[in-house]
Amino acid sequence: MYSHLSHVYRKLFNNSLINCKSVFKVFNGGISEELEHYVVPTLNREKPDIVIIHIGSNDANEANVKKDNAIEIAQTILRTAIICKETGVNHVFISGILPKHNLKLTKFVRKVNDILKDFCISNSDNINFILNDSITIEFVSDDGVHLIKDGTHILASNFVNYVNNVTNY
């Protein structure tokens, strides 16, 4: 999550949230499969009310496209969301994977995001999908993975808007 949010002004981010504050937990370079192992100790220690899962960018690679692993990656991300719910998190948000420069990778990302979104729509257990369609390829840096500063601000704004919409009781 950190690489996509490295330019977020944390104080401004927290001041934009209604009825809550954020703590960023970072798993640099992580893939969805690894997050499952890191999330449980963090959940047990922090006991958050809200979790935003933003992972999958590193999973969207040529090897996974070749294996057509979209379903497996989506299921791994969903398992992490379910683990969050099982440990007492009230609201879980799954943030859509961001676009890629490569058309094959972009199609793969859409496939994973569609699976995640469909699950969230059909699930009534406070697992929500954050649609990041406002982040287009122009906001992705030349490395094809990280965001430029403006992209980071849009992503942070997406997070704030979705969280405030759900938590503004």
N, C-alpha and C. Protein backbone atom coordinates (compact mmCIF):
# COMPACT_ATOMS: atom_id res chain seq x y z
N MET A 1 0.82 -1.18 0.00
CA MET A 1 0.00 0.00 0.00
C MET A 1 0.87 1.25 0.00
N TYR A 2 1.99 1.24 0.62
CA TYR A 2 2.78 2.45 0.80
C TYR A 2 3.17 3.11 -0.51
N SER A 3 3.61 2.34 -1.47
CA SER A 3 4.10 2.97 -2.69
C SER A 3 3.02 3.78 -3.39
N HIS A 4 1.79 3.38 -3.28
CA HIS A 4 0.72 4.15 -3.91
C HIS A 4 0.29 5.34 -3.06
N LEU A 5 0.62 5.30 -1.80
CA LEU A 5 0.19 6.39 -0.91
C LEU A 5 1.35 7.17 -0.31
N SER A 6 2.51 7.04 -0.92
CA SER A 6 3.69 7.67 -0.35
C SER A 6 3.63 9.20 -0.33
N HIS A 7 2.84 9.79 -1.19
CA HIS A 7 2.74 11.25 -1.24
C HIS A 7 1.54 11.80 -0.48
N VAL A 8 0.85 10.93 0.26
CA VAL A 8 -0.32 11.39 1.00
C VAL A 8 0.13 12.20 2.22
N TYR A 9 -0.48 13.34 2.38
CA TYR A 9 -0.25 14.15 3.56
C TYR A 9 -1.15 13.58 4.66
N ARG A 10 -0.54 12.84 5.56
CA ARG A 10 -1.31 12.08 6.56
C ARG A 10 -2.21 12.97 7.41
N LYS A 11 -1.70 14.13 7.80
CA LYS A 11 -2.52 15.02 8.64
C LYS A 11 -3.75 15.50 7.87
N LEU A 12 -3.57 15.89 6.62
CA LEU A 12 -4.70 16.31 5.78
C LEU A 12 -5.66 15.16 5.56
N PHE A 13 -5.12 13.96 5.32
CA PHE A 13 -5.95 12.77 5.14
C PHE A 13 -6.83 12.55 6.37
N ASN A 14 -6.21 12.56 7.55
CA ASN A 14 -6.98 12.35 8.78
C ASN A 14 -7.98 13.48 9.03
N ASN A 15 -7.60 14.71 8.72
CA ASN A 15 -8.53 15.83 8.90
C ASN A 15 -9.72 15.73 7.96
N SER A 16 -9.58 15.01 6.86
CA SER A 16 -10.67 14.85 5.88
C SER A 16 -11.65 13.76 6.27
N LEU A 17 -11.25 12.89 7.17
CA LEU A 17 -12.12 11.79 7.60
C LEU A 17 -13.12 12.28 8.64
N ILE A 18 -14.34 11.77 8.54
CA ILE A 18 -15.39 12.10 9.50
C ILE A 18 -15.56 10.88 10.42
N ASN A 19 -15.61 11.11 11.70
CA ASN A 19 -15.87 10.04 12.69
C ASN A 19 -14.80 8.97 12.78
N CYS A 20 -13.61 9.22 12.28
CA CYS A 20 -12.54 8.22 12.41
C CYS A 20 -11.21 8.86 12.09
N LYS A 21 -10.15 8.13 12.38
CA LYS A 21 -8.81 8.56 11.97
C LYS A 21 -8.09 7.35 11.42
N SER A 22 -7.04 7.59 10.68
CA SER A 22 -6.36 6.49 9.99
C SER A 22 -5.00 6.20 10.59
N VAL A 23 -4.62 4.95 10.40
CA VAL A 23 -3.27 4.50 10.68
C VAL A 23 -2.86 3.70 9.44
N PHE A 24 -1.76 4.06 8.84
CA PHE A 24 -1.29 3.37 7.65
C PHE A 24 -0.41 2.20 8.05
N LYS A 25 -0.70 1.03 7.54
CA LYS A 25 0.16 -0.14 7.72
C LYS A 25 0.68 -0.51 6.34
N VAL A 26 1.97 -0.67 6.25
CA VAL A 26 2.64 -0.78 4.97
C VAL A 26 3.25 -2.16 4.78
N PHE A 27 3.04 -2.72 3.60
CA PHE A 27 3.65 -3.99 3.22
C PHE A 27 4.29 -3.78 1.85
N ASN A 28 5.41 -3.06 1.83
CA ASN A 28 6.07 -2.69 0.58
C ASN A 28 6.34 -3.90 -0.31
N GLY A 29 5.99 -3.76 -1.58
CA GLY A 29 6.30 -4.79 -2.56
C GLY A 29 5.53 -6.07 -2.37
N GLY A 30 4.54 -6.05 -1.50
CA GLY A 30 3.80 -7.27 -1.18
C GLY A 30 2.85 -7.71 -2.29
N ILE A 31 2.57 -8.98 -2.27
CA ILE A 31 1.54 -9.54 -3.15
C ILE A 31 0.39 -10.01 -2.28
N SER A 32 -0.75 -10.23 -2.88
CA SER A 32 -1.95 -10.54 -2.12
C SER A 32 -1.78 -11.77 -1.24
N GLU A 33 -1.08 -12.76 -1.71
CA GLU A 33 -0.88 -13.98 -0.94
C GLU A 33 -0.12 -13.71 0.36
N GLU A 34 0.81 -12.79 0.33
CA GLU A 34 1.60 -12.46 1.52
C GLU A 34 0.80 -11.67 2.54
N LEU A 35 -0.14 -10.89 2.09
CA LEU A 35 -0.90 -10.03 2.99
C LEU A 35 -1.66 -10.84 4.03
N GLU A 36 -2.17 -11.99 3.64
CA GLU A 36 -2.90 -12.85 4.58
C GLU A 36 -2.07 -13.12 5.83
N HIS A 37 -0.78 -13.31 5.67
CA HIS A 37 0.09 -13.65 6.80
C HIS A 37 0.40 -12.44 7.67
N TYR A 38 0.42 -11.26 7.10
CA TYR A 38 0.73 -10.05 7.84
C TYR A 38 -0.47 -9.44 8.55
N VAL A 39 -1.65 -9.66 7.99
CA VAL A 39 -2.81 -8.92 8.45
C VAL A 39 -3.28 -9.36 9.84
N VAL A 40 -3.23 -10.64 10.16
CA VAL A 40 -3.77 -11.12 11.42
C VAL A 40 -3.07 -10.50 12.64
N PRO A 41 -1.74 -10.51 12.71
CA PRO A 41 -1.11 -9.86 13.88
C PRO A 41 -1.45 -8.38 13.98
N THR A 42 -1.53 -7.71 12.84
CA THR A 42 -1.87 -6.28 12.84
C THR A 42 -3.29 -6.08 13.34
N LEU A 43 -4.22 -6.89 12.88
CA LEU A 43 -5.61 -6.78 13.31
C LEU A 43 -5.75 -7.05 14.80
N ASN A 44 -5.06 -8.07 15.28
CA ASN A 44 -5.13 -8.40 16.70
C ASN A 44 -4.53 -7.30 17.58
N ARG A 45 -3.50 -6.65 17.10
CA ARG A 45 -2.83 -5.59 17.87
C ARG A 45 -3.61 -4.27 17.80
N GLU A 46 -4.03 -3.88 16.60
CA GLU A 46 -4.64 -2.56 16.39
C GLU A 46 -6.14 -2.52 16.64
N LYS A 47 -6.83 -3.64 16.40
CA LYS A 47 -8.28 -3.74 16.55
C LYS A 47 -9.03 -2.60 15.83
N PRO A 48 -8.79 -2.46 14.52
CA PRO A 48 -9.43 -1.36 13.79
C PRO A 48 -10.92 -1.59 13.56
N ASP A 49 -11.62 -0.51 13.39
CA ASP A 49 -13.04 -0.56 13.05
C ASP A 49 -13.23 -0.62 11.53
N ILE A 50 -12.26 -0.04 10.81
CA ILE A 50 -12.30 0.05 9.35
C ILE A 50 -10.96 -0.38 8.79
N VAL A 51 -10.98 -1.17 7.71
CA VAL A 51 -9.76 -1.55 7.02
C VAL A 51 -9.96 -1.32 5.53
N ILE A 52 -8.97 -0.71 4.91
CA ILE A 52 -8.94 -0.59 3.46
C ILE A 52 -7.83 -1.50 2.96
N ILE A 53 -8.20 -2.45 2.12
CA ILE A 53 -7.22 -3.37 1.53
C ILE A 53 -6.89 -2.85 0.14
N HIS A 54 -5.66 -2.40 0.00
CA HIS A 54 -5.21 -1.91 -1.31
C HIS A 54 -3.98 -2.73 -1.71
N ILE A 55 -4.24 -3.78 -2.44
CA ILE A 55 -3.17 -4.69 -2.85
C ILE A 55 -3.55 -5.26 -4.21
N GLY A 56 -2.58 -5.80 -4.89
CA GLY A 56 -2.86 -6.47 -6.16
C GLY A 56 -2.06 -5.93 -7.32
N SER A 57 -1.51 -4.75 -7.15
CA SER A 57 -0.74 -4.16 -8.24
C SER A 57 0.47 -5.03 -8.59
N ASN A 58 1.13 -5.56 -7.58
CA ASN A 58 2.29 -6.42 -7.84
C ASN A 58 1.87 -7.81 -8.33
N ASP A 59 0.61 -8.17 -8.11
CA ASP A 59 0.10 -9.44 -8.62
C ASP A 59 -0.21 -9.34 -10.11
N ALA A 60 -0.47 -8.13 -10.58
CA ALA A 60 -0.84 -7.93 -12.00
C ALA A 60 0.45 -7.88 -12.82
N ASN A 61 0.95 -9.05 -13.12
CA ASN A 61 2.20 -9.16 -13.87
C ASN A 61 2.04 -10.18 -15.00
N GLU A 62 3.00 -10.21 -15.87
CA GLU A 62 2.94 -11.08 -17.06
C GLU A 62 2.76 -12.56 -16.69
N ALA A 63 3.43 -13.00 -15.62
CA ALA A 63 3.34 -14.42 -15.23
C ALA A 63 1.91 -14.79 -14.84
N ASN A 64 1.24 -13.92 -14.08
CA ASN A 64 -0.13 -14.22 -13.67
C ASN A 64 -1.11 -14.08 -14.83
N VAL A 65 -0.84 -13.16 -15.75
CA VAL A 65 -1.68 -13.04 -16.94
C VAL A 65 -1.58 -14.33 -17.75
N LYS A 66 -0.36 -14.81 -17.90
CA LYS A 66 -0.12 -16.03 -18.67
C LYS A 66 -0.84 -17.22 -18.05
N LYS A 67 -0.82 -17.30 -16.73
CA LYS A 67 -1.49 -18.40 -16.02
C LYS A 67 -2.99 -18.16 -15.89
N ASP A 68 -3.45 -16.96 -16.27
CA ASP A 68 -4.85 -16.56 -16.12
C ASP A 68 -5.30 -16.73 -14.67
N ASN A 69 -4.53 -16.15 -13.76
CA ASN A 69 -4.75 -16.28 -12.32
C ASN A 69 -5.70 -15.24 -11.72
N ALA A 70 -6.50 -14.59 -12.50
CA ALA A 70 -7.35 -13.51 -11.98
C ALA A 70 -8.25 -14.01 -10.85
N ILE A 71 -8.86 -15.14 -11.03
CA ILE A 71 -9.77 -15.67 -10.01
C ILE A 71 -9.00 -15.97 -8.72
N GLU A 72 -7.84 -16.58 -8.84
CA GLU A 72 -7.05 -16.92 -7.65
C GLU A 72 -6.61 -15.66 -6.89
N ILE A 73 -6.19 -14.65 -7.62
CA ILE A 73 -5.76 -13.41 -6.97
C ILE A 73 -6.95 -12.74 -6.29
N ALA A 74 -8.07 -12.67 -6.97
CA ALA A 74 -9.28 -12.09 -6.36
C ALA A 74 -9.68 -12.87 -5.11
N GLN A 75 -9.63 -14.19 -5.17
CA GLN A 75 -10.00 -15.00 -4.01
C GLN A 75 -9.06 -14.76 -2.83
N THR A 76 -7.78 -14.57 -3.12
CA THR A 76 -6.82 -14.29 -2.05
C THR A 76 -7.12 -12.95 -1.39
N ILE A 77 -7.42 -11.95 -2.19
CA ILE A 77 -7.78 -10.64 -1.64
C ILE A 77 -9.07 -10.75 -0.83
N LEU A 78 -10.02 -11.50 -1.34
CA LEU A 78 -11.29 -11.68 -0.63
C LEU A 78 -11.10 -12.43 0.69
N ARG A 79 -10.20 -13.41 0.69
CA ARG A 79 -9.91 -14.13 1.94
C ARG A 79 -9.39 -13.16 3.00
N THR A 80 -8.55 -12.23 2.58
CA THR A 80 -8.03 -11.23 3.53
C THR A 80 -9.19 -10.38 4.06
N ALA A 81 -10.10 -10.00 3.21
CA ALA A 81 -11.27 -9.21 3.64
C ALA A 81 -12.11 -10.01 4.63
N ILE A 82 -12.30 -11.27 4.37
CA ILE A 82 -13.09 -12.12 5.27
C ILE A 82 -12.37 -12.31 6.60
N ILE A 83 -11.05 -12.45 6.58
CA ILE A 83 -10.27 -12.53 7.81
C ILE A 83 -10.49 -11.27 8.64
N CYS A 84 -10.49 -10.12 7.97
CA CYS A 84 -10.74 -8.85 8.67
C CYS A 84 -12.10 -8.88 9.37
N LYS A 85 -13.12 -9.32 8.66
CA LYS A 85 -14.46 -9.38 9.24
C LYS A 85 -14.50 -10.36 10.41
N GLU A 86 -13.85 -11.51 10.25
CA GLU A 86 -13.85 -12.53 11.30
C GLU A 86 -13.11 -12.07 12.56
N THR A 87 -12.21 -11.12 12.43
CA THR A 87 -11.50 -10.63 13.61
C THR A 87 -12.15 -9.37 14.20
N GLY A 88 -13.34 -9.03 13.71
CA GLY A 88 -14.11 -7.96 14.32
C GLY A 88 -14.08 -6.61 13.63
N VAL A 89 -13.51 -6.52 12.46
CA VAL A 89 -13.52 -5.25 11.73
C VAL A 89 -14.94 -5.00 11.22
N ASN A 90 -15.49 -3.83 11.51
CA ASN A 90 -16.86 -3.53 11.12
C ASN A 90 -17.01 -3.25 9.63
N HIS A 91 -16.09 -2.47 9.08
CA HIS A 91 -16.19 -2.08 7.67
C HIS A 91 -14.87 -2.41 6.96
N VAL A 92 -14.98 -3.20 5.92
CA VAL A 92 -13.82 -3.56 5.11
C VAL A 92 -14.03 -3.01 3.71
N PHE A 93 -13.02 -2.34 3.21
CA PHE A 93 -13.04 -1.81 1.85
C PHE A 93 -11.95 -2.50 1.06
N ILE A 94 -12.30 -2.96 -0.12
CA ILE A 94 -11.31 -3.50 -1.05
C ILE A 94 -11.13 -2.45 -2.13
N SER A 95 -9.94 -1.94 -2.23
CA SER A 95 -9.63 -0.91 -3.21
C SER A 95 -9.25 -1.57 -4.54
N GLY A 96 -9.90 -1.14 -5.59
CA GLY A 96 -9.63 -1.70 -6.91
C GLY A 96 -8.18 -1.52 -7.33
N ILE A 97 -7.65 -2.54 -8.00
CA ILE A 97 -6.29 -2.48 -8.51
C ILE A 97 -6.23 -1.39 -9.58
N LEU A 98 -5.15 -0.68 -9.61
CA LEU A 98 -5.00 0.47 -10.51
C LEU A 98 -4.56 0.04 -11.89
N PRO A 99 -4.81 0.90 -12.91
CA PRO A 99 -4.50 0.53 -14.30
C PRO A 99 -3.00 0.37 -14.55
N LYS A 100 -2.69 -0.30 -15.64
CA LYS A 100 -1.32 -0.57 -16.07
C LYS A 100 -1.09 0.03 -17.45
N HIS A 101 0.15 0.20 -17.83
CA HIS A 101 0.48 0.72 -19.16
C HIS A 101 0.24 -0.31 -20.26
N ASN A 102 0.39 -1.55 -19.93
CA ASN A 102 0.27 -2.65 -20.87
C ASN A 102 -1.20 -3.07 -21.01
N LEU A 103 -1.70 -3.21 -22.24
CA LEU A 103 -3.10 -3.54 -22.47
C LEU A 103 -3.47 -4.90 -21.88
N LYS A 104 -2.59 -5.90 -22.02
CA LYS A 104 -2.87 -7.22 -21.45
C LYS A 104 -3.00 -7.14 -19.93
N LEU A 105 -2.12 -6.38 -19.31
CA LEU A 105 -2.17 -6.25 -17.86
C LEU A 105 -3.41 -5.47 -17.43
N THR A 106 -3.78 -4.47 -18.19
CA THR A 106 -4.98 -3.69 -17.88
C THR A 106 -6.23 -4.56 -17.95
N LYS A 107 -6.31 -5.41 -18.95
CA LYS A 107 -7.45 -6.34 -19.05
C LYS A 107 -7.47 -7.29 -17.86
N PHE A 108 -6.31 -7.75 -17.47
CA PHE A 108 -6.19 -8.64 -16.32
C PHE A 108 -6.67 -7.93 -15.05
N VAL A 109 -6.23 -6.70 -14.86
CA VAL A 109 -6.65 -5.90 -13.71
C VAL A 109 -8.16 -5.74 -13.71
N ARG A 110 -8.74 -5.44 -14.84
CA ARG A 110 -10.21 -5.29 -14.93
C ARG A 110 -10.91 -6.59 -14.52
N LYS A 111 -10.35 -7.70 -14.95
CA LYS A 111 -10.94 -9.01 -14.63
C LYS A 111 -10.93 -9.24 -13.11
N VAL A 112 -9.79 -8.98 -12.49
CA VAL A 112 -9.69 -9.14 -11.03
C VAL A 112 -10.66 -8.17 -10.34
N ASN A 113 -10.65 -6.92 -10.77
CA ASN A 113 -11.54 -5.91 -10.16
C ASN A 113 -13.01 -6.28 -10.32
N ASP A 114 -13.39 -6.80 -11.47
CA ASP A 114 -14.79 -7.20 -11.69
C ASP A 114 -15.20 -8.31 -10.72
N ILE A 115 -14.31 -9.26 -10.49
CA ILE A 115 -14.61 -10.34 -9.54
C ILE A 115 -14.77 -9.76 -8.14
N LEU A 116 -13.85 -8.89 -7.75
CA LEU A 116 -13.91 -8.27 -6.42
C LEU A 116 -15.19 -7.44 -6.26
N LYS A 117 -15.49 -6.64 -7.27
CA LYS A 117 -16.67 -5.78 -7.22
C LYS A 117 -17.95 -6.61 -7.13
N ASP A 118 -18.05 -7.67 -7.94
CA ASP A 118 -19.24 -8.53 -7.90
C ASP A 118 -19.43 -9.16 -6.53
N PHE A 119 -18.33 -9.60 -5.92
CA PHE A 119 -18.42 -10.17 -4.58
C PHE A 119 -18.95 -9.13 -3.60
N CYS A 120 -18.39 -7.94 -3.64
CA CYS A 120 -18.79 -6.89 -2.71
C CYS A 120 -20.25 -6.50 -2.89
N ILE A 121 -20.71 -6.47 -4.11
CA ILE A 121 -22.11 -6.13 -4.38
C ILE A 121 -23.04 -7.20 -3.81
N SER A 122 -22.65 -8.46 -3.96
CA SER A 122 -23.50 -9.56 -3.50
C SER A 122 -23.34 -9.85 -2.01
N ASN A 123 -22.37 -9.24 -1.36
CA ASN A 123 -22.09 -9.50 0.04
C ASN A 123 -22.67 -8.37 0.87
N SER A 124 -23.47 -8.71 1.85
CA SER A 124 -24.09 -7.67 2.68
C SER A 124 -23.39 -7.52 4.03
N ASP A 125 -22.17 -8.02 4.13
CA ASP A 125 -21.47 -8.03 5.41
C ASP A 125 -20.46 -6.88 5.53
N ASN A 126 -20.82 -5.71 5.02
CA ASN A 126 -19.96 -4.53 5.11
C ASN A 126 -18.57 -4.72 4.51
N ILE A 127 -18.52 -5.42 3.39
CA ILE A 127 -17.30 -5.48 2.58
C ILE A 127 -17.64 -4.70 1.31
N ASN A 128 -16.98 -3.57 1.15
CA ASN A 128 -17.29 -2.65 0.05
C ASN A 128 -16.13 -2.56 -0.92
N PHE A 129 -16.45 -2.26 -2.17
CA PHE A 129 -15.44 -2.11 -3.20
C PHE A 129 -15.24 -0.63 -3.49
N ILE A 130 -13.98 -0.21 -3.50
CA ILE A 130 -13.64 1.17 -3.86
C ILE A 130 -13.27 1.18 -5.34
N LEU A 131 -14.11 1.80 -6.11
CA LEU A 131 -13.89 1.90 -7.54
C LEU A 131 -12.91 3.03 -7.80
N ASN A 132 -11.79 2.70 -8.36
CA ASN A 132 -10.75 3.70 -8.62
C ASN A 132 -10.69 4.09 -10.10
N ASP A 133 -11.83 4.11 -10.76
CA ASP A 133 -11.87 4.44 -12.19
C ASP A 133 -11.41 5.87 -12.49
N SER A 134 -11.41 6.72 -11.47
CA SER A 134 -10.95 8.10 -11.68
C SER A 134 -9.43 8.16 -11.85
N ILE A 135 -8.77 7.06 -11.57
CA ILE A 135 -7.31 7.00 -11.76
C ILE A 135 -7.06 6.32 -13.10
N THR A 136 -6.68 7.12 -14.06
CA THR A 136 -6.41 6.60 -15.39
C THR A 136 -4.91 6.45 -15.58
N ILE A 137 -4.53 5.89 -16.70
CA ILE A 137 -3.13 5.59 -16.97
C ILE A 137 -2.23 6.84 -16.90
N GLU A 138 -2.79 8.00 -17.15
CA GLU A 138 -1.99 9.23 -17.08
C GLU A 138 -1.48 9.52 -15.67
N PHE A 139 -2.09 8.88 -14.66
CA PHE A 139 -1.66 9.09 -13.28
C PHE A 139 -0.70 8.01 -12.79
N VAL A 140 -0.35 7.08 -13.67
CA VAL A 140 0.59 6.01 -13.34
C VAL A 140 1.96 6.43 -13.85
N SER A 141 2.98 6.25 -13.02
CA SER A 141 4.33 6.66 -13.41
C SER A 141 4.88 5.78 -14.53
N ASP A 142 6.00 6.16 -15.05
CA ASP A 142 6.62 5.43 -16.16
C ASP A 142 6.99 3.99 -15.82
N ASP A 143 7.14 3.68 -14.52
CA ASP A 143 7.48 2.30 -14.16
C ASP A 143 6.27 1.37 -14.27
N GLY A 144 5.08 1.93 -14.50
CA GLY A 144 3.88 1.13 -14.71
C GLY A 144 3.25 0.60 -13.44
N VAL A 145 3.80 0.93 -12.28
CA VAL A 145 3.29 0.41 -11.02
C VAL A 145 2.87 1.54 -10.08
N HIS A 146 3.75 2.49 -9.87
CA HIS A 146 3.52 3.54 -8.89
C HIS A 146 2.73 4.69 -9.47
N LEU A 147 2.17 5.49 -8.59
CA LEU A 147 1.40 6.66 -9.01
C LEU A 147 2.26 7.91 -8.97
N ILE A 148 1.95 8.83 -9.86
CA ILE A 148 2.53 10.16 -9.74
C ILE A 148 1.77 10.87 -8.61
N LYS A 149 2.27 12.00 -8.20
CA LYS A 149 1.69 12.70 -7.05
C LYS A 149 0.19 12.97 -7.21
N ASP A 150 -0.24 13.43 -8.38
CA ASP A 150 -1.68 13.70 -8.59
C ASP A 150 -2.50 12.42 -8.47
N GLY A 151 -1.97 11.30 -8.93
CA GLY A 151 -2.66 10.01 -8.81
C GLY A 151 -2.81 9.60 -7.36
N THR A 152 -1.77 9.86 -6.59
CA THR A 152 -1.81 9.55 -5.16
C THR A 152 -2.91 10.35 -4.48
N HIS A 153 -3.04 11.60 -4.84
CA HIS A 153 -4.07 12.45 -4.23
C HIS A 153 -5.48 11.97 -4.61
N ILE A 154 -5.65 11.52 -5.84
CA ILE A 154 -6.95 11.00 -6.26
C ILE A 154 -7.27 9.72 -5.48
N LEU A 155 -6.29 8.84 -5.34
CA LEU A 155 -6.50 7.60 -4.60
C LEU A 155 -6.88 7.90 -3.15
N ALA A 156 -6.15 8.81 -2.52
CA ALA A 156 -6.46 9.17 -1.13
C ALA A 156 -7.86 9.77 -1.03
N SER A 157 -8.22 10.59 -2.00
CA SER A 157 -9.56 11.18 -2.03
C SER A 157 -10.63 10.11 -2.19
N ASN A 158 -10.37 9.12 -3.03
CA ASN A 158 -11.31 8.00 -3.18
C ASN A 158 -11.52 7.31 -1.84
N PHE A 159 -10.42 7.05 -1.13
CA PHE A 159 -10.51 6.40 0.17
C PHE A 159 -11.35 7.22 1.14
N VAL A 160 -11.05 8.50 1.23
CA VAL A 160 -11.77 9.39 2.14
C VAL A 160 -13.26 9.41 1.80
N ASN A 161 -13.57 9.55 0.53
CA ASN A 161 -14.98 9.63 0.13
C ASN A 161 -15.75 8.36 0.47
N TYR A 162 -15.17 7.20 0.19
CA TYR A 162 -15.86 5.94 0.48
C TYR A 162 -16.01 5.74 1.99
N VAL A 163 -14.94 5.99 2.73
CA VAL A 163 -15.01 5.80 4.19
C VAL A 163 -16.02 6.76 4.79
N ASN A 164 -15.97 8.02 4.42
CA ASN A 164 -16.92 9.00 4.97
C ASN A 164 -18.35 8.67 4.60
N ASN A 165 -18.56 8.15 3.41
CA ASN A 165 -19.91 7.78 2.98
C ASN A 165 -20.48 6.67 3.86
N VAL A 166 -19.66 5.74 4.26
CA VAL A 166 -20.14 4.60 5.06
C VAL A 166 -20.18 4.93 6.54
N THR A 167 -19.25 5.75 7.02
CA THR A 167 -19.15 5.98 8.46
C THR A 167 -19.84 7.25 8.92
N ASN A 168 -20.39 8.03 8.04
CA ASN A 168 -21.05 9.28 8.41
C ASN A 168 -22.45 8.96 8.90
N TYR A 169 -22.55 8.50 10.14
CA TYR A 169 -23.83 8.05 10.71
C TYR A 169 -24.74 9.21 10.96
